[in-house]
Protein backbone atom coordinates (compact mmCIF):
# COMPACT_ATOMS: atom_id res chain seq x y z
CA MET A 1 130.72 75.41 146.19
CA LYS A 2 128.16 74.01 143.73
CA HIS A 3 125.81 76.88 144.47
CA PHE A 4 128.54 79.43 143.79
CA ILE A 5 129.37 77.87 140.42
CA ALA A 6 125.70 77.62 139.50
CA ALA A 7 125.11 81.27 140.47
CA THR A 8 128.14 82.36 138.46
CA LEU A 9 127.03 80.48 135.36
CA PHE A 10 123.48 81.79 135.73
CA SER A 11 124.69 85.39 135.98
CA LEU A 12 126.87 84.95 132.90
CA VAL A 13 123.92 83.64 130.91
CA ILE A 14 121.74 86.55 131.98
CA ALA A 15 124.45 89.11 131.25
CA SER A 16 125.13 87.83 127.73
CA PRO A 17 124.08 90.20 124.95
CA VAL A 18 120.78 89.57 123.24
CA PRO A 19 120.78 89.54 119.44
CA ALA A 20 119.09 92.49 117.78
CA GLN A 21 115.58 92.25 116.46
CA LYS A 22 115.49 90.90 112.90
CA LEU A 23 114.06 92.92 110.06
CA VAL A 24 110.48 92.06 109.25
CA ASP A 25 110.06 90.26 105.93
CA PRO A 26 106.73 91.36 104.40
CA ALA A 27 106.79 88.38 102.02
CA SER A 28 106.61 85.92 104.93
CA VAL A 29 103.54 87.58 106.48
CA ALA A 30 99.91 86.81 105.69
CA PRO A 31 98.52 89.07 102.93
CA GLU A 32 96.17 90.93 105.28
CA PHE A 33 99.11 91.98 107.47
CA ARG A 34 101.55 92.75 104.66
CA GLU A 35 100.99 96.53 104.67
CA ALA A 36 101.68 96.73 108.42
CA ALA A 37 104.80 94.59 107.97
CA GLU A 38 106.09 96.91 105.24
CA LYS A 39 105.58 99.93 107.52
CA ARG A 40 107.36 98.15 110.38
CA ARG A 41 110.29 97.23 108.12
CA ALA A 42 110.61 100.86 106.96
CA GLU A 43 110.65 102.01 110.61
CA GLN A 44 113.28 99.40 111.50
CA ILE A 45 115.49 100.55 108.62
CA ARG A 46 115.15 104.19 109.75
CA GLN A 47 116.14 103.18 113.30
CA ARG A 48 119.15 101.22 112.03
CA ASP A 49 120.29 104.12 109.88
CA CYS A 50 120.12 106.52 112.82
CA ALA A 51 122.00 104.05 115.04
CA ARG A 52 124.67 103.71 112.35
CA LYS A 53 124.98 107.53 112.18
CA ALA A 54 125.41 107.63 115.95
CA ASP A 55 128.16 105.01 115.72
CA LEU A 56 129.94 106.86 112.92
CA GLU A 57 129.80 110.16 114.82
CA LYS A 58 130.93 108.37 117.99
CA VAL A 59 128.10 109.76 120.09
CA LEU A 60 128.63 109.18 123.80
CA ARG A 61 126.38 106.63 125.45
CA ARG A 62 124.69 109.20 127.68
CA GLU A 63 123.84 111.36 124.63
CA ARG A 64 122.85 108.53 122.31
CA THR A 65 119.12 108.50 123.13
CA ALA A 66 118.75 112.21 122.49
CA PHE A 67 120.72 111.85 119.25
CA LEU A 68 118.54 108.97 118.07
CA VAL A 69 115.29 110.77 118.92
CA HIS A 70 116.46 113.88 117.08
CA CYS A 71 117.58 111.81 114.09
CA LEU A 72 114.28 109.93 113.89
CA GLU A 73 112.28 113.15 114.18
CA SER A 74 114.29 114.87 111.47
CA ASP A 75 114.01 111.85 109.15
CA GLY A 76 110.30 111.60 109.83
CA GLY A 77 109.70 114.90 108.06
CA LYS A 78 111.16 113.58 104.82
């Protein structure tokens, strides 16, 4: 019985959602890496905006990747 409870708790811990990646703060990075951190932050913001658009348009899960790729490509030209 102990093994069953332990296995159940272990599977619940593994199945719990992982928090999203935090936005990079260029001010907290060493000066020589600041430019790369600013570029990464801009990319993260673009990805978040496209994900928010997908949520607002209620894109189905199976179509979400294609939607996000298209959104990121179209925003990349700007």
